[in-house]
Amino acid sequence: GQWAQPTTLGFSTFMGGLILASLQE
């Protein structure tokens, strides 16, 4: 994803965080 674009960067950060969080109990 084009992290140079703030909205794309924000979604990438948030999606990655959700994936990591969903791996928790």
PDB file of all heavy atoms in Angstrom:
ATOM      1  N   GLY A   1       0.823  -1.200   0.000  1.00  0.00           N
ATOM      2  CA  GLY A   1       0.000   0.000   0.000  1.00  0.00           C
ATOM      3  C   GLY A   1       0.861   1.255   0.000  1.00  0.00           C
ATOM      4  O   GLY A   1       1.983   1.264   0.506  1.00  0.00           O
ATOM      5  N   GLN A   2       0.336   2.337  -0.539  1.00  0.00           N
ATOM      6  CA  GLN A   2       1.093   3.582  -0.668  1.00  0.00           C
ATOM      7  C   GLN A   2       1.086   4.347   0.657  1.00  0.00           C
ATOM      8  O   GLN A   2       0.248   5.210   0.897  1.00  0.00           O
ATOM      9  CB  GLN A   2       0.509   4.428  -1.802  1.00  0.00           C
ATOM     10  CG  GLN A   2       0.688   3.798  -3.175  1.00  0.00           C
ATOM     11  CD  GLN A   2       0.064   4.611  -4.284  1.00  0.00           C
ATOM     12  OE1 GLN A   2      -0.966   5.248  -4.091  1.00  0.00           O
ATOM     13  NE2 GLN A   2       0.674   4.602  -5.451  1.00  0.00           N
ATOM     14  N   TRP A   3       2.068   4.026   1.502  1.00  0.00           N
ATOM     15  CA  TRP A   3       2.145   4.644   2.819  1.00  0.00           C
ATOM     16  C   TRP A   3       2.462   6.126   2.750  1.00  0.00           C
ATOM     17  O   TRP A   3       2.314   6.836   3.746  1.00  0.00           O
ATOM     18  CB  TRP A   3       3.196   3.920   3.664  1.00  0.00           C
ATOM     19  CG  TRP A   3       2.746   2.577   4.146  1.00  0.00           C
ATOM     20  CD1 TRP A   3       1.582   1.943   3.847  1.00  0.00           C
ATOM     21  CD2 TRP A   3       3.461   1.696   5.024  1.00  0.00           C
ATOM     22  NE1 TRP A   3       1.518   0.721   4.473  1.00  0.00           N
ATOM     23  CE2 TRP A   3       2.662   0.546   5.201  1.00  0.00           C
ATOM     24  CE3 TRP A   3       4.694   1.766   5.662  1.00  0.00           C
ATOM     25  CZ2 TRP A   3       3.056  -0.516   6.003  1.00  0.00           C
ATOM     26  CZ3 TRP A   3       5.088   0.702   6.464  1.00  0.00           C
ATOM     27  CH2 TRP A   3       4.285  -0.423   6.633  1.00  0.00           C
ATOM     28  N   ALA A   4       2.903   6.616   1.605  1.00  0.00           N
ATOM     29  CA  ALA A   4       3.165   8.047   1.467  1.00  0.00           C
ATOM     30  C   ALA A   4       1.871   8.846   1.554  1.00  0.00           C
ATOM     31  O   ALA A   4       1.893  10.039   1.871  1.00  0.00           O
ATOM     32  CB  ALA A   4       3.865   8.328   0.135  1.00  0.00           C
ATOM     33  N   GLN A   5       0.722   8.213   1.285  1.00  0.00           N
ATOM     34  CA  GLN A   5      -0.575   8.864   1.357  1.00  0.00           C
ATOM     35  C   GLN A   5      -1.127   8.663   2.777  1.00  0.00           C
ATOM     36  O   GLN A   5      -1.266   7.529   3.241  1.00  0.00           O
ATOM     37  CB  GLN A   5      -1.509   8.252   0.310  1.00  0.00           C
ATOM     38  CG  GLN A   5      -2.618   9.157  -0.158  1.00  0.00           C
ATOM     39  CD  GLN A   5      -3.800   9.149   0.779  1.00  0.00           C
ATOM     40  OE1 GLN A   5      -4.015   8.200   1.529  1.00  0.00           O
ATOM     41  NE2 GLN A   5      -4.579  10.213   0.758  1.00  0.00           N
ATOM     42  N   PRO A   6      -1.424   9.731   3.540  1.00  0.00           N
ATOM     43  CA  PRO A   6      -1.791   9.599   4.950  1.00  0.00           C
ATOM     44  C   PRO A   6      -2.970   8.676   5.227  1.00  0.00           C
ATOM     45  O   PRO A   6      -2.948   7.933   6.207  1.00  0.00           O
ATOM     46  CB  PRO A   6      -2.113  11.050   5.362  1.00  0.00           C
ATOM     47  CG  PRO A   6      -1.301  11.895   4.444  1.00  0.00           C
ATOM     48  CD  PRO A   6      -1.302  11.155   3.134  1.00  0.00           C
ATOM     49  N   THR A   7      -4.002   8.714   4.392  1.00  0.00           N
ATOM     50  CA  THR A   7      -5.165   7.855   4.635  1.00  0.00           C
ATOM     51  C   THR A   7      -4.806   6.389   4.449  1.00  0.00           C
ATOM     52  O   THR A   7      -5.197   5.530   5.257  1.00  0.00           O
ATOM     53  CB  THR A   7      -6.326   8.238   3.706  1.00  0.00           C
ATOM     54  OG1 THR A   7      -6.652   9.619   3.893  1.00  0.00           O
ATOM     55  CG2 THR A   7      -7.553   7.395   4.003  1.00  0.00           C
ATOM     56  N   THR A   8      -4.073   6.074   3.400  1.00  0.00           N
ATOM     57  CA  THR A   8      -3.626   4.699   3.183  1.00  0.00           C
ATOM     58  C   THR A   8      -2.731   4.243   4.327  1.00  0.00           C
ATOM     59  O   THR A   8      -2.853   3.102   4.812  1.00  0.00           O
ATOM     60  CB  THR A   8      -2.866   4.586   1.851  1.00  0.00           C
ATOM     61  OG1 THR A   8      -3.697   5.053   0.791  1.00  0.00           O
ATOM     62  CG2 THR A   8      -2.461   3.145   1.569  1.00  0.00           C
ATOM     63  N   LEU A   9      -1.838   5.109   4.771  1.00  0.00           N
ATOM     64  CA  LEU A   9      -0.969   4.789   5.910  1.00  0.00           C
ATOM     65  C   LEU A   9      -1.808   4.513   7.151  1.00  0.00           C
ATOM     66  O   LEU A   9      -1.545   3.552   7.898  1.00  0.00           O
ATOM     67  CB  LEU A   9      -0.016   5.952   6.162  1.00  0.00           C
ATOM     68  CG  LEU A   9       0.880   5.854   7.394  1.00  0.00           C
ATOM     69  CD1 LEU A   9       1.826   4.666   7.281  1.00  0.00           C
ATOM     70  CD2 LEU A   9       1.660   7.148   7.589  1.00  0.00           C
ATOM     71  N   GLY A  10      -2.831   5.344   7.389  1.00  0.00           N
ATOM     72  CA  GLY A  10      -3.680   5.150   8.554  1.00  0.00           C
ATOM     73  C   GLY A  10      -4.428   3.836   8.519  1.00  0.00           C
ATOM     74  O   GLY A  10      -4.500   3.114   9.526  1.00  0.00           O
ATOM     75  N   PHE A  11      -4.988   3.481   7.366  1.00  0.00           N
ATOM     76  CA  PHE A  11      -5.708   2.209   7.251  1.00  0.00           C
ATOM     77  C   PHE A  11      -4.750   1.032   7.398  1.00  0.00           C
ATOM     78  O   PHE A  11      -5.101   0.017   7.995  1.00  0.00           O
ATOM     79  CB  PHE A  11      -6.450   2.139   5.918  1.00  0.00           C
ATOM     80  CG  PHE A  11      -7.849   2.662   5.975  1.00  0.00           C
ATOM     81  CD1 PHE A  11      -8.155   3.940   5.527  1.00  0.00           C
ATOM     82  CD2 PHE A  11      -8.871   1.892   6.498  1.00  0.00           C
ATOM     83  CE1 PHE A  11      -9.438   4.436   5.584  1.00  0.00           C
ATOM     84  CE2 PHE A  11     -10.170   2.370   6.564  1.00  0.00           C
ATOM     85  CZ  PHE A  11     -10.459   3.653   6.102  1.00  0.00           C
ATOM     86  N   SER A  12      -3.557   1.146   6.836  1.00  0.00           N
ATOM     87  CA  SER A  12      -2.581   0.072   6.960  1.00  0.00           C
ATOM     88  C   SER A  12      -2.207  -0.148   8.426  1.00  0.00           C
ATOM     89  O   SER A  12      -2.157  -1.288   8.900  1.00  0.00           O
ATOM     90  CB  SER A  12      -1.333   0.404   6.138  1.00  0.00           C
ATOM     91  OG  SER A  12      -0.369  -0.613   6.262  1.00  0.00           O
ATOM     92  N   THR A  13      -1.950   0.949   9.135  1.00  0.00           N
ATOM     93  CA  THR A  13      -1.618   0.862  10.552  1.00  0.00           C
ATOM     94  C   THR A  13      -2.761   0.240  11.345  1.00  0.00           C
ATOM     95  O   THR A  13      -2.547  -0.658  12.166  1.00  0.00           O
ATOM     96  CB  THR A  13      -1.308   2.257  11.109  1.00  0.00           C
ATOM     97  OG1 THR A  13      -0.183   2.807  10.424  1.00  0.00           O
ATOM     98  CG2 THR A  13      -1.007   2.209  12.599  1.00  0.00           C
ATOM     99  N   PHE A  14      -3.973   0.705  11.089  1.00  0.00           N
ATOM    100  CA  PHE A  14      -5.120   0.222  11.852  1.00  0.00           C
ATOM    101  C   PHE A  14      -5.448  -1.223  11.518  1.00  0.00           C
ATOM    102  O   PHE A  14      -5.726  -2.031  12.420  1.00  0.00           O
ATOM    103  CB  PHE A  14      -6.328   1.116  11.585  1.00  0.00           C
ATOM    104  CG  PHE A  14      -7.437   0.943  12.578  1.00  0.00           C
ATOM    105  CD1 PHE A  14      -7.276   1.362  13.886  1.00  0.00           C
ATOM    106  CD2 PHE A  14      -8.631   0.349  12.216  1.00  0.00           C
ATOM    107  CE1 PHE A  14      -8.288   1.194  14.821  1.00  0.00           C
ATOM    108  CE2 PHE A  14      -9.644   0.177  13.131  1.00  0.00           C
ATOM    109  CZ  PHE A  14      -9.483   0.607  14.446  1.00  0.00           C
ATOM    110  N   MET A  15      -5.423  -1.589  10.238  1.00  0.00           N
ATOM    111  CA  MET A  15      -5.696  -2.967   9.850  1.00  0.00           C
ATOM    112  C   MET A  15      -4.661  -3.916  10.445  1.00  0.00           C
ATOM    113  O   MET A  15      -4.996  -4.997  10.957  1.00  0.00           O
ATOM    114  CB  MET A  15      -5.714  -3.101   8.326  1.00  0.00           C
ATOM    115  CG  MET A  15      -6.933  -2.501   7.651  1.00  0.00           C
ATOM    116  SD  MET A  15      -6.877  -2.777   5.848  1.00  0.00           S
ATOM    117  CE  MET A  15      -8.301  -1.841   5.311  1.00  0.00           C
ATOM    118  N   GLY A  16      -3.384  -3.532  10.372  1.00  0.00           N
ATOM    119  CA  GLY A  16      -2.351  -4.372  10.961  1.00  0.00           C
ATOM    120  C   GLY A  16      -2.554  -4.551  12.440  1.00  0.00           C
ATOM    121  O   GLY A  16      -2.393  -5.657  12.984  1.00  0.00           O
ATOM    122  N   GLY A  17      -2.932  -3.460  13.136  1.00  0.00           N
ATOM    123  CA  GLY A  17      -3.199  -3.561  14.563  1.00  0.00           C
ATOM    124  C   GLY A  17      -4.380  -4.464  14.871  1.00  0.00           C
ATOM    125  O   GLY A  17      -4.349  -5.244  15.838  1.00  0.00           O
ATOM    126  N   LEU A  18      -5.433  -4.387  14.067  1.00  0.00           N
ATOM    127  CA  LEU A  18      -6.599  -5.255  14.279  1.00  0.00           C
ATOM    128  C   LEU A  18      -6.244  -6.727  14.083  1.00  0.00           C
ATOM    129  O   LEU A  18      -6.724  -7.595  14.820  1.00  0.00           O
ATOM    130  CB  LEU A  18      -7.728  -4.857  13.335  1.00  0.00           C
ATOM    131  CG  LEU A  18      -8.410  -3.505  13.565  1.00  0.00           C
ATOM    132  CD1 LEU A  18      -9.570  -3.332  12.592  1.00  0.00           C
ATOM    133  CD2 LEU A  18      -8.904  -3.366  14.995  1.00  0.00           C
ATOM    134  N   ILE A  19      -5.423  -7.003  13.086  1.00  0.00           N
ATOM    135  CA  ILE A  19      -5.014  -8.389  12.848  1.00  0.00           C
ATOM    136  C   ILE A  19      -4.236  -8.920  14.053  1.00  0.00           C
ATOM    137  O   ILE A  19      -4.484 -10.035  14.545  1.00  0.00           O
ATOM    138  CB  ILE A  19      -4.165  -8.505  11.568  1.00  0.00           C
ATOM    139  CG1 ILE A  19      -5.010  -8.174  10.345  1.00  0.00           C
ATOM    140  CG2 ILE A  19      -3.576  -9.913  11.422  1.00  0.00           C
ATOM    141  CD1 ILE A  19      -4.211  -8.010   9.061  1.00  0.00           C
ATOM    142  N   LEU A  20      -3.280  -8.119  14.553  1.00  0.00           N
ATOM    143  CA  LEU A  20      -2.505  -8.540  15.717  1.00  0.00           C
ATOM    144  C   LEU A  20      -3.399  -8.705  16.938  1.00  0.00           C
ATOM    145  O   LEU A  20      -3.248  -9.664  17.709  1.00  0.00           O
ATOM    146  CB  LEU A  20      -1.407  -7.519  16.009  1.00  0.00           C
ATOM    147  CG  LEU A  20      -0.303  -7.358  14.965  1.00  0.00           C
ATOM    148  CD1 LEU A  20       0.704  -6.317  15.421  1.00  0.00           C
ATOM    149  CD2 LEU A  20       0.390  -8.679  14.691  1.00  0.00           C
ATOM    150  N   ALA A  21      -4.334  -7.770  17.135  1.00  0.00           N
ATOM    151  CA  ALA A  21      -5.231  -7.846  18.284  1.00  0.00           C
ATOM    152  C   ALA A  21      -6.134  -9.068  18.203  1.00  0.00           C
ATOM    153  O   ALA A  21      -6.430  -9.707  19.220  1.00  0.00           O
ATOM    154  CB  ALA A  21      -6.077  -6.573  18.370  1.00  0.00           C
ATOM    155  N   SER A  22      -6.585  -9.413  17.005  1.00  0.00           N
ATOM    156  CA  SER A  22      -7.475 -10.569  16.848  1.00  0.00           C
ATOM    157  C   SER A  22      -6.776 -11.885  17.146  1.00  0.00           C
ATOM    158  O   SER A  22      -7.435 -12.901  17.400  1.00  0.00           O
ATOM    159  CB  SER A  22      -8.045 -10.600  15.426  1.00  0.00           C
ATOM    160  OG  SER A  22      -7.032 -10.858  14.471  1.00  0.00           O
ATOM    161  N   LEU A  23      -5.447 -11.860  17.130  1.00  0.00           N
ATOM    162  CA  LEU A  23      -4.692 -13.068  17.464  1.00  0.00           C
ATOM    163  C   LEU A  23      -4.582 -13.287  18.960  1.00  0.00           C
ATOM    164  O   LEU A  23      -4.138 -14.344  19.410  1.00  0.00           O
ATOM    165  CB  LEU A  23      -3.279 -12.983  16.861  1.00  0.00           C
ATOM    166  CG  LEU A  23      -3.214 -13.053  15.334  1.00  0.00           C
ATOM    167  CD1 LEU A  23      -1.832 -12.642  14.842  1.00  0.00           C
ATOM    168  CD2 LEU A  23      -3.551 -14.457  14.847  1.00  0.00           C
ATOM    169  N   GLN A  24      -4.976 -12.283  19.750  1.00  0.00           N
ATOM    170  CA  GLN A  24      -4.936 -12.422  21.202  1.00  0.00           C
ATOM    171  C   GLN A  24      -6.136 -13.204  21.685  1.00  0.00           C
ATOM    172  O   GLN A  24      -7.165 -13.295  21.021  1.00  0.00           O
ATOM    173  CB  GLN A  24      -4.924 -11.043  21.858  1.00  0.00           C
ATOM    174  CG  GLN A  24      -3.646 -10.258  21.631  1.00  0.00           C
ATOM    175  CD  GLN A  24      -3.289  -9.451  22.851  1.00  0.00           C
ATOM    176  OE1 GLN A  24      -3.211  -9.989  23.946  1.00  0.00           O
ATOM    177  NE2 GLN A  24      -3.059  -8.167  22.660  1.00  0.00           N
ATOM    178  N   GLU A  25      -6.003 -13.726  22.912  1.00  0.00           N
ATOM    179  CA  GLU A  25      -7.139 -14.386  23.534  1.00  0.00           C
ATOM    180  C   GLU A  25      -8.191 -13.331  23.834  1.00  0.00           C
ATOM    181  O   GLU A  25      -7.884 -12.268  24.367  1.00  0.00           O
ATOM    182  CB  GLU A  25      -6.709 -15.089  24.824  1.00  0.00           C
ATOM    183  CG  GLU A  25      -5.740 -16.237  24.604  1.00  0.00           C
ATOM    184  CD  GLU A  25      -6.342 -17.329  23.735  1.00  0.00           C
ATOM    185  OE1 GLU A  25      -7.547 -17.604  23.879  1.00  0.00           O
ATOM    186  OE2 GLU A  25      -5.613 -17.884  22.907  1.00  0.00           O
TER     187      GLU A  25
END
